[in-house]
Amino acid sequence: MVGAAIILTIAFGALFAPLLTHADPLAQNLARQAGRPSLAHPMGTDKLGRDIFARILYGSRISLRIGFVAVGLAISLGTLIGTTAGYARGRVDSMLMGAMDVMLAFPPIILAIGITTILGPSITNVMLAVGIVYIPQYARLARSALLAISGLEYVEAARALGVSAAGIVARHLLPNILSPLLVQATLGIATAELEAAGLSYLGLGARPPAPEWGAMLNDARDYWLGAPWALVFPGLSITVLVLGFNLLGDGLRDALDPTGR
């Protein structure tokens, strides 16, 4: 419940950002550069005089979009690959899981850096890179969950009745392996947020002047000693968002796992 409350609060801020602040997140004012937090600017301003509170609110839209799109891509392709490998078995299984093992041999951040370097720095490419990097996790999870239930009586009954392979997977197998995939997806959004923020911090993600939290950290690293609030608030926003999704994922795991009750 705490995790859900955190995520809903951030989503509320992202949705109603124009009502919560009248400041333009992209407007510069060099007369108030690196200004301390005040009533007019609750989180202060950055080196270009831009309101950090407004940039945090509007940046939450980018961060949430990156997390959901990246994980949506990963879980869609990963589930397709995992269910195909688990149901077909044999050479198809060996070939697909071999490809997943090759991807797992690379550290996620290194593989993501390689992909964004090839595609070029942008928010869209960050979402693609992070989504591709985490496909093997969902593929292996879907395959193992499918193998655990593919030999049960109701699946054998469907085969005996002449139901096609696609029908068995769609009607009998997928609905019964969705729970662990949804839990992993919720936890995966938190990891995707960290990966995306890391890529933006390295200059491979959002391009200036986009108010993305990782890019804001990158901008603040040159003057954080004189204006620590420019570094603290974006970093705290990332921490709180990741914590919210982790707590929500833990709660869903407990709620959807009957063996834990």
C-alpha atoms as a PDB file:
ATOM      1  CA  MET A   1       0.000   0.000   0.000  1.00  0.00           C
ATOM      2  CA  VAL A   2       2.863   2.363   0.742  1.00  0.00           C
ATOM      3  CA  GLY A   3       4.442   1.601  -2.637  1.00  0.00           C
ATOM      4  CA  ALA A   4       1.124   2.154  -4.418  1.00  0.00           C
ATOM      5  CA  ALA A   5       0.647   5.454  -2.556  1.00  0.00           C
ATOM      6  CA  ILE A   6       4.118   6.647  -3.611  1.00  0.00           C
ATOM      7  CA  ILE A   7       3.526   5.764  -7.263  1.00  0.00           C
ATOM      8  CA  LEU A   8       0.059   7.340  -7.300  1.00  0.00           C
ATOM      9  CA  THR A   9       1.446  10.518  -5.749  1.00  0.00           C
ATOM     10  CA  ILE A  10       4.158  10.776  -8.402  1.00  0.00           C
ATOM     11  CA  ALA A  11       1.639   9.985 -11.143  1.00  0.00           C
ATOM     12  CA  PHE A  12      -0.663  12.685  -9.749  1.00  0.00           C
ATOM     13  CA  GLY A  13       2.192  15.201  -9.862  1.00  0.00           C
ATOM     14  CA  ALA A  14       3.007  14.204 -13.439  1.00  0.00           C
ATOM     15  CA  LEU A  15      -0.602  14.443 -14.585  1.00  0.00           C
ATOM     16  CA  PHE A  16      -1.430  17.744 -12.880  1.00  0.00           C
ATOM     17  CA  ALA A  17       1.982  19.423 -13.163  1.00  0.00           C
ATOM     18  CA  PRO A  18       0.537  22.569 -14.828  1.00  0.00           C
ATOM     19  CA  LEU A  19      -1.804  23.031 -11.854  1.00  0.00           C
ATOM     20  CA  LEU A  20       0.849  22.405  -9.205  1.00  0.00           C
ATOM     21  CA  THR A  21       3.323  24.934 -10.581  1.00  0.00           C
ATOM     22  CA  HIS A  22       3.088  27.864 -12.959  1.00  0.00           C
ATOM     23  CA  ALA A  23       6.814  27.841 -13.701  1.00  0.00           C
ATOM     24  CA  ASP A  24       8.042  26.795 -17.116  1.00  0.00           C
ATOM     25  CA  PRO A  25      10.515  23.878 -16.685  1.00  0.00           C
ATOM     26  CA  LEU A  26      12.476  25.080 -19.728  1.00  0.00           C
ATOM     27  CA  ALA A  27      12.457  28.854 -19.034  1.00  0.00           C
ATOM     28  CA  GLN A  28      15.899  30.247 -18.212  1.00  0.00           C
ATOM     29  CA  ASN A  29      16.655  33.250 -16.011  1.00  0.00           C
ATOM     30  CA  LEU A  30      20.370  33.843 -15.465  1.00  0.00           C
ATOM     31  CA  ALA A  31      19.606  36.519 -12.859  1.00  0.00           C
ATOM     32  CA  ARG A  32      18.535  33.778 -10.434  1.00  0.00           C
ATOM     33  CA  GLN A  33      20.939  30.991 -11.425  1.00  0.00           C
ATOM     34  CA  ALA A  34      21.689  28.399  -8.714  1.00  0.00           C
ATOM     35  CA  GLY A  35      19.196  30.107  -6.410  1.00  0.00           C
ATOM     36  CA  ARG A  36      18.479  28.644  -2.997  1.00  0.00           C
ATOM     37  CA  PRO A  37      15.086  27.065  -2.203  1.00  0.00           C
ATOM     38  CA  SER A  38      12.480  29.717  -1.411  1.00  0.00           C
ATOM     39  CA  LEU A  39       8.736  30.248  -1.434  1.00  0.00           C
ATOM     40  CA  ALA A  40       8.880  31.187  -5.104  1.00  0.00           C
ATOM     41  CA  HIS A  41      11.113  28.219  -5.932  1.00  0.00           C
ATOM     42  CA  PRO A  42      10.557  25.443  -3.335  1.00  0.00           C
ATOM     43  CA  MET A  43      13.480  23.360  -4.638  1.00  0.00           C
ATOM     44  CA  GLY A  44      15.640  26.234  -5.808  1.00  0.00           C
ATOM     45  CA  THR A  45      16.914  26.849  -9.326  1.00  0.00           C
ATOM     46  CA  ASP A  46      19.673  25.304 -11.415  1.00  0.00           C
ATOM     47  CA  LYS A  47      22.695  26.941 -13.059  1.00  0.00           C
ATOM     48  CA  LEU A  48      20.510  28.386 -15.815  1.00  0.00           C
ATOM     49  CA  GLY A  49      17.886  29.738 -13.423  1.00  0.00           C
ATOM     50  CA  ARG A  50      15.314  27.067 -14.258  1.00  0.00           C
ATOM     51  CA  ASP A  51      12.856  26.103 -11.519  1.00  0.00           C
ATOM     52  CA  ILE A  52      13.878  22.661 -10.181  1.00  0.00           C
ATOM     53  CA  PHE A  53      10.435  21.891  -8.715  1.00  0.00           C
ATOM     54  CA  ALA A  54       8.815  22.395 -12.135  1.00  0.00           C
ATOM     55  CA  ARG A  55      11.507  20.280 -13.780  1.00  0.00           C
ATOM     56  CA  ILE A  56      10.965  17.497 -11.229  1.00  0.00           C
ATOM     57  CA  LEU A  57       7.212  17.480 -11.870  1.00  0.00           C
ATOM     58  CA  TYR A  58       7.469  17.509 -15.646  1.00  0.00           C
ATOM     59  CA  GLY A  59      10.419  15.112 -15.526  1.00  0.00           C
ATOM     60  CA  SER A  60       8.260  12.536 -13.734  1.00  0.00           C
ATOM     61  CA  ARG A  61       6.292  12.188 -16.974  1.00  0.00           C
ATOM     62  CA  ILE A  62       9.444  11.182 -18.807  1.00  0.00           C
ATOM     63  CA  SER A  63      10.617   8.801 -16.075  1.00  0.00           C
ATOM     64  CA  LEU A  64       7.267   7.024 -15.801  1.00  0.00           C
ATOM     65  CA  ARG A  65       7.008   6.711 -19.575  1.00  0.00           C
ATOM     66  CA  ILE A  66      10.502   5.249 -19.829  1.00  0.00           C
ATOM     67  CA  GLY A  67       9.772   2.667 -17.129  1.00  0.00           C
ATOM     68  CA  PHE A  68       6.442   1.478 -18.499  1.00  0.00           C
ATOM     69  CA  VAL A  69       7.437   1.446 -22.179  1.00  0.00           C
ATOM     70  CA  ALA A  70      10.767  -0.306 -21.545  1.00  0.00           C
ATOM     71  CA  VAL A  71       9.222  -2.983 -19.337  1.00  0.00           C
ATOM     72  CA  GLY A  72       6.263  -3.337 -21.691  1.00  0.00           C
ATOM     73  CA  LEU A  73       8.660  -4.078 -24.532  1.00  0.00           C
ATOM     74  CA  ALA A  74      10.716  -6.480 -22.412  1.00  0.00           C
ATOM     75  CA  ILE A  75       7.761  -8.444 -21.030  1.00  0.00           C
ATOM     76  CA  SER A  76       6.014  -8.675 -24.429  1.00  0.00           C
ATOM     77  CA  LEU A  77       8.997 -10.007 -26.360  1.00  0.00           C
ATOM     78  CA  GLY A  78      10.332 -11.998 -23.403  1.00  0.00           C
ATOM     79  CA  THR A  79       7.016 -13.773 -22.833  1.00  0.00           C
ATOM     80  CA  LEU A  80       6.709 -14.549 -26.540  1.00  0.00           C
ATOM     81  CA  ILE A  81      10.218 -16.013 -26.662  1.00  0.00           C
ATOM     82  CA  GLY A  82       9.858 -17.898 -23.377  1.00  0.00           C
ATOM     83  CA  THR A  83       6.496 -19.486 -24.164  1.00  0.00           C
ATOM     84  CA  THR A  84       7.657 -20.461 -27.663  1.00  0.00           C
ATOM     85  CA  ALA A  85      10.803 -22.083 -26.281  1.00  0.00           C
ATOM     86  CA  GLY A  86       8.994 -23.818 -23.424  1.00  0.00           C
ATOM     87  CA  TYR A  87       6.208 -25.227 -25.556  1.00  0.00           C
ATOM     88  CA  ALA A  88       8.216 -26.164 -28.640  1.00  0.00           C
ATOM     89  CA  ARG A  89      11.252 -27.501 -26.741  1.00  0.00           C
ATOM     90  CA  GLY A  90      13.954 -29.360 -28.673  1.00  0.00           C
ATOM     91  CA  ARG A  91      16.076 -27.351 -31.080  1.00  0.00           C
ATOM     92  CA  VAL A  92      13.831 -24.299 -30.901  1.00  0.00           C
ATOM     93  CA  ASP A  93      14.226 -24.191 -27.131  1.00  0.00           C
ATOM     94  CA  SER A  94      18.001 -24.613 -27.331  1.00  0.00           C
ATOM     95  CA  MET A  95      18.381 -21.917 -29.983  1.00  0.00           C
ATOM     96  CA  LEU A  96      16.200 -19.321 -28.276  1.00  0.00           C
ATOM     97  CA  MET A  97      17.589 -19.884 -24.788  1.00  0.00           C
ATOM     98  CA  GLY A  98      21.115 -19.894 -26.199  1.00  0.00           C
ATOM     99  CA  ALA A  99      20.490 -16.416 -27.595  1.00  0.00           C
ATOM    100  CA  MET A 100      19.145 -15.316 -24.201  1.00  0.00           C
ATOM    101  CA  ASP A 101      22.255 -16.726 -22.478  1.00  0.00           C
ATOM    102  CA  VAL A 102      24.471 -14.693 -24.796  1.00  0.00           C
ATOM    103  CA  MET A 103      22.591 -11.516 -23.826  1.00  0.00           C
ATOM    104  CA  LEU A 104      22.795 -12.415 -20.132  1.00  0.00           C
ATOM    105  CA  ALA A 105      26.567 -12.752 -20.452  1.00  0.00           C
ATOM    106  CA  PHE A 106      26.817  -8.956 -20.721  1.00  0.00           C
ATOM    107  CA  PRO A 107      26.231  -6.688 -17.701  1.00  0.00           C
ATOM    108  CA  PRO A 108      22.904  -4.879 -18.337  1.00  0.00           C
ATOM    109  CA  ILE A 109      24.334  -1.370 -18.152  1.00  0.00           C
ATOM    110  CA  ILE A 110      27.188  -2.251 -20.549  1.00  0.00           C
ATOM    111  CA  LEU A 111      24.766  -3.763 -23.072  1.00  0.00           C
ATOM    112  CA  ALA A 112      22.458  -0.749 -22.731  1.00  0.00           C
ATOM    113  CA  ILE A 113      25.382   1.627 -23.277  1.00  0.00           C
ATOM    114  CA  GLY A 114      26.364  -0.301 -26.410  1.00  0.00           C
ATOM    115  CA  ILE A 115      22.833  -0.164 -27.828  1.00  0.00           C
ATOM    116  CA  THR A 116      22.341   3.554 -27.140  1.00  0.00           C
ATOM    117  CA  THR A 117      25.780   4.307 -28.544  1.00  0.00           C
ATOM    118  CA  ILE A 118      24.813   2.582 -31.802  1.00  0.00           C
ATOM    119  CA  LEU A 119      21.314   4.084 -31.996  1.00  0.00           C
ATOM    120  CA  GLY A 120      22.254   7.530 -30.671  1.00  0.00           C
ATOM    121  CA  PRO A 121      21.260   9.378 -27.490  1.00  0.00           C
ATOM    122  CA  SER A 122      17.526  10.034 -27.116  1.00  0.00           C
ATOM    123  CA  ILE A 123      14.674   9.111 -24.803  1.00  0.00           C
ATOM    124  CA  THR A 124      13.212   6.731 -27.406  1.00  0.00           C
ATOM    125  CA  ASN A 125      16.506   4.911 -27.807  1.00  0.00           C
ATOM    126  CA  VAL A 126      16.902   4.657 -24.025  1.00  0.00           C
ATOM    127  CA  MET A 127      13.514   2.949 -23.815  1.00  0.00           C
ATOM    128  CA  LEU A 128      14.498   0.558 -26.615  1.00  0.00           C
ATOM    129  CA  ALA A 129      17.881  -0.193 -25.047  1.00  0.00           C
ATOM    130  CA  VAL A 130      16.537  -0.844 -21.550  1.00  0.00           C
ATOM    131  CA  GLY A 131      13.676  -2.933 -22.947  1.00  0.00           C
ATOM    132  CA  ILE A 132      16.012  -5.093 -25.045  1.00  0.00           C
ATOM    133  CA  VAL A 133      18.438  -5.596 -22.162  1.00  0.00           C
ATOM    134  CA  TYR A 134      15.777  -7.124 -19.909  1.00  0.00           C
ATOM    135  CA  ILE A 135      14.087  -9.402 -22.460  1.00  0.00           C
ATOM    136  CA  PRO A 136      16.096 -12.478 -21.284  1.00  0.00           C
ATOM    137  CA  GLN A 137      14.811 -12.176 -17.705  1.00  0.00           C
ATOM    138  CA  TYR A 138      11.179 -12.392 -18.780  1.00  0.00           C
ATOM    139  CA  ALA A 139      11.933 -15.061 -21.391  1.00  0.00           C
ATOM    140  CA  ARG A 140      13.531 -17.354 -18.800  1.00  0.00           C
ATOM    141  CA  LEU A 141      10.798 -16.661 -16.247  1.00  0.00           C
ATOM    142  CA  ALA A 142       8.026 -17.361 -18.775  1.00  0.00           C
ATOM    143  CA  ARG A 143       9.754 -20.548 -19.957  1.00  0.00           C
ATOM    144  CA  SER A 144      10.275 -21.947 -16.458  1.00  0.00           C
ATOM    145  CA  ALA A 145       6.718 -21.114 -15.381  1.00  0.00           C
ATOM    146  CA  LEU A 146       5.313 -22.701 -18.544  1.00  0.00           C
ATOM    147  CA  LEU A 147       7.385 -25.883 -18.136  1.00  0.00           C
ATOM    148  CA  ALA A 148       6.051 -26.244 -14.595  1.00  0.00           C
ATOM    149  CA  ILE A 149       2.427 -26.445 -15.761  1.00  0.00           C
ATOM    150  CA  SER A 150       2.653 -27.753 -19.348  1.00  0.00           C
ATOM    151  CA  GLY A 151       2.368 -31.365 -18.222  1.00  0.00           C
ATOM    152  CA  LEU A 152      -0.701 -30.923 -15.991  1.00  0.00           C
ATOM    153  CA  GLU A 153      -3.946 -32.765 -16.678  1.00  0.00           C
ATOM    154  CA  TYR A 154      -5.959 -29.863 -18.081  1.00  0.00           C
ATOM    155  CA  VAL A 155      -3.230 -29.166 -20.649  1.00  0.00           C
ATOM    156  CA  GLU A 156      -3.130 -32.837 -21.671  1.00  0.00           C
ATOM    157  CA  ALA A 157      -6.923 -32.804 -21.917  1.00  0.00           C
ATOM    158  CA  ALA A 158      -6.801 -29.813 -24.269  1.00  0.00           C
ATOM    159  CA  ARG A 159      -4.259 -31.639 -26.455  1.00  0.00           C
ATOM    160  CA  ALA A 160      -6.455 -34.750 -26.502  1.00  0.00           C
ATOM    161  CA  LEU A 161      -9.410 -32.636 -27.650  1.00  0.00           C
ATOM    162  CA  GLY A 162      -7.376 -31.386 -30.586  1.00  0.00           C
ATOM    163  CA  VAL A 163      -6.844 -27.808 -29.433  1.00  0.00           C
ATOM    164  CA  SER A 164      -4.082 -26.153 -31.447  1.00  0.00           C
ATOM    165  CA  ALA A 165      -0.742 -25.249 -29.880  1.00  0.00           C
ATOM    166  CA  ALA A 166      -1.545 -21.544 -30.115  1.00  0.00           C
ATOM    167  CA  GLY A 167      -4.911 -22.135 -28.461  1.00  0.00           C
ATOM    168  CA  ILE A 168      -3.382 -24.119 -25.603  1.00  0.00           C
ATOM    169  CA  VAL A 169      -0.781 -21.429 -24.959  1.00  0.00           C
ATOM    170  CA  ALA A 170      -3.267 -18.549 -25.200  1.00  0.00           C
ATOM    171  CA  ARG A 171      -6.165 -20.092 -23.272  1.00  0.00           C
ATOM    172  CA  HIS A 172      -4.582 -22.491 -20.803  1.00  0.00           C
ATOM    173  CA  LEU A 173      -0.926 -21.613 -20.241  1.00  0.00           C
ATOM    174  CA  LEU A 174      -0.523 -17.842 -20.461  1.00  0.00           C
ATOM    175  CA  PRO A 175      -3.273 -16.990 -17.922  1.00  0.00           C
ATOM    176  CA  ASN A 176      -1.576 -19.262 -15.394  1.00  0.00           C
ATOM    177  CA  ILE A 177       1.911 -17.794 -15.744  1.00  0.00           C
ATOM    178  CA  LEU A 178       0.921 -14.119 -15.673  1.00  0.00           C
ATOM    179  CA  SER A 179       1.247 -13.704 -11.894  1.00  0.00           C
ATOM    180  CA  PRO A 180       5.052 -14.099 -11.653  1.00  0.00           C
ATOM    181  CA  LEU A 181       5.470 -12.061 -14.833  1.00  0.00           C
ATOM    182  CA  LEU A 182       3.430  -9.162 -13.433  1.00  0.00           C
ATOM    183  CA  VAL A 183       5.392  -9.214 -10.183  1.00  0.00           C
ATOM    184  CA  GLN A 184       8.676  -9.229 -12.076  1.00  0.00           C
ATOM    185  CA  ALA A 185       7.408  -6.421 -14.317  1.00  0.00           C
ATOM    186  CA  THR A 186       6.622  -4.227 -11.312  1.00  0.00           C
ATOM    187  CA  LEU A 187      10.071  -4.819  -9.857  1.00  0.00           C
ATOM    188  CA  GLY A 188      11.556  -4.443 -13.333  1.00  0.00           C
ATOM    189  CA  ILE A 189      10.169  -0.924 -13.717  1.00  0.00           C
ATOM    190  CA  ALA A 190      12.287   0.123 -10.729  1.00  0.00           C
ATOM    191  CA  THR A 191      15.397  -1.368 -12.333  1.00  0.00           C
ATOM    192  CA  ALA A 192      14.519   0.210 -15.677  1.00  0.00           C
ATOM    193  CA  GLU A 193      14.241   3.617 -14.021  1.00  0.00           C
ATOM    194  CA  LEU A 194      17.734   3.234 -12.571  1.00  0.00           C
ATOM    195  CA  GLU A 195      19.177   2.089 -15.888  1.00  0.00           C
ATOM    196  CA  ALA A 196      17.551   4.973 -17.761  1.00  0.00           C
ATOM    197  CA  ALA A 197      18.740   7.512 -15.181  1.00  0.00           C
ATOM    198  CA  GLY A 198      22.249   6.077 -15.411  1.00  0.00           C
ATOM    199  CA  LEU A 199      22.271   6.359 -19.208  1.00  0.00           C
ATOM    200  CA  SER A 200      21.022   9.946 -19.041  1.00  0.00           C
ATOM    201  CA  TYR A 201      23.652  10.749 -16.432  1.00  0.00           C
ATOM    202  CA  LEU A 202      26.296   9.471 -18.857  1.00  0.00           C
ATOM    203  CA  GLY A 203      24.880  11.684 -21.598  1.00  0.00           C
ATOM    204  CA  LEU A 204      23.321   8.816 -23.561  1.00  0.00           C
ATOM    205  CA  GLY A 205      19.700   9.501 -22.706  1.00  0.00           C
ATOM    206  CA  ALA A 206      17.535  12.588 -22.721  1.00  0.00           C
ATOM    207  CA  ARG A 207      19.028  15.552 -24.542  1.00  0.00           C
ATOM    208  CA  PRO A 208      19.034  19.073 -23.076  1.00  0.00           C
ATOM    209  CA  PRO A 209      16.861  20.851 -22.159  1.00  0.00           C
ATOM    210  CA  ALA A 210      14.545  17.885 -21.408  1.00  0.00           C
ATOM    211  CA  PRO A 211      13.800  17.749 -17.643  1.00  0.00           C
ATOM    212  CA  GLU A 212      14.764  14.090 -17.180  1.00  0.00           C
ATOM    213  CA  TRP A 213      15.982  13.262 -13.672  1.00  0.00           C
ATOM    214  CA  GLY A 214      19.179  11.502 -14.726  1.00  0.00           C
ATOM    215  CA  ALA A 215      20.048  14.350 -17.088  1.00  0.00           C
ATOM    216  CA  MET A 216      19.420  16.807 -14.236  1.00  0.00           C
ATOM    217  CA  LEU A 217      21.973  14.919 -12.143  1.00  0.00           C
ATOM    218  CA  ASN A 218      24.430  15.185 -14.994  1.00  0.00           C
ATOM    219  CA  ASP A 219      23.866  18.939 -15.257  1.00  0.00           C
ATOM    220  CA  ALA A 220      24.312  19.452 -11.504  1.00  0.00           C
ATOM    221  CA  ARG A 221      27.574  17.564 -11.076  1.00  0.00           C
ATOM    222  CA  ASP A 222      29.679  20.584 -12.097  1.00  0.00           C
ATOM    223  CA  TYR A 223      28.354  22.912  -9.399  1.00  0.00           C
ATOM    224  CA  TRP A 224      26.845  20.686  -6.727  1.00  0.00           C
ATOM    225  CA  LEU A 225      29.164  21.961  -3.986  1.00  0.00           C
ATOM    226  CA  GLY A 226      27.753  25.473  -4.360  1.00  0.00           C
ATOM    227  CA  ALA A 227      24.170  24.376  -5.024  1.00  0.00           C
ATOM    228  CA  PRO A 228      23.635  20.893  -3.554  1.00  0.00           C
ATOM    229  CA  TRP A 229      19.849  21.155  -3.964  1.00  0.00           C
ATOM    230  CA  ALA A 230      20.314  20.839  -7.747  1.00  0.00           C
ATOM    231  CA  LEU A 231      21.712  17.348  -7.134  1.00  0.00           C
ATOM    232  CA  VAL A 232      19.731  16.287  -4.066  1.00  0.00           C
ATOM    233  CA  PHE A 233      16.181  16.731  -5.372  1.00  0.00           C
ATOM    234  CA  PRO A 234      16.545  14.818  -8.677  1.00  0.00           C
ATOM    235  CA  GLY A 235      18.459  12.049  -6.881  1.00  0.00           C
ATOM    236  CA  LEU A 236      15.816  11.892  -4.151  1.00  0.00           C
ATOM    237  CA  SER A 237      13.066  11.712  -6.785  1.00  0.00           C
ATOM    238  CA  ILE A 238      14.723   8.715  -8.446  1.00  0.00           C
ATOM    239  CA  THR A 239      15.181   7.030  -5.054  1.00  0.00           C
ATOM    240  CA  VAL A 240      11.548   7.520  -4.014  1.00  0.00           C
ATOM    241  CA  LEU A 241      10.187   6.292  -7.370  1.00  0.00           C
ATOM    242  CA  VAL A 242      12.371   3.172  -7.320  1.00  0.00           C
ATOM    243  CA  LEU A 243      11.413   2.507  -3.691  1.00  0.00           C
ATOM    244  CA  GLY A 244       7.722   2.800  -4.577  1.00  0.00           C
ATOM    245  CA  PHE A 245       7.913   0.221  -7.352  1.00  0.00           C
ATOM    246  CA  ASN A 246      10.014  -2.131  -5.219  1.00  0.00           C
ATOM    247  CA  LEU A 247       7.499  -1.987  -2.374  1.00  0.00           C
ATOM    248  CA  LEU A 248       4.608  -2.484  -4.780  1.00  0.00           C
ATOM    249  CA  GLY A 249       6.360  -5.460  -6.379  1.00  0.00           C
ATOM    250  CA  ASP A 250       6.965  -7.074  -2.998  1.00  0.00           C
ATOM    251  CA  GLY A 251       3.324  -6.566  -2.090  1.00  0.00           C
ATOM    252  CA  LEU A 252       2.088  -8.070  -5.350  1.00  0.00           C
ATOM    253  CA  ARG A 253       4.378 -11.052  -4.912  1.00  0.00           C
ATOM    254  CA  ASP A 254       2.919 -11.738  -1.468  1.00  0.00           C
ATOM    255  CA  ALA A 255      -0.648 -11.203  -2.675  1.00  0.00           C
ATOM    256  CA  LEU A 256      -0.380 -13.362  -5.817  1.00  0.00           C
ATOM    257  CA  ASP A 257       1.687 -16.224  -4.380  1.00  0.00           C
ATOM    258  CA  PRO A 258      -0.686 -18.690  -2.647  1.00  0.00           C
ATOM    259  CA  THR A 259       2.245 -20.704  -1.269  1.00  0.00           C
ATOM    260  CA  GLY A 260       3.218 -17.758   0.909  1.00  0.00           C
ATOM    261  CA  ARG A 261      -0.109 -17.641   2.730  1.00  0.00           C
END
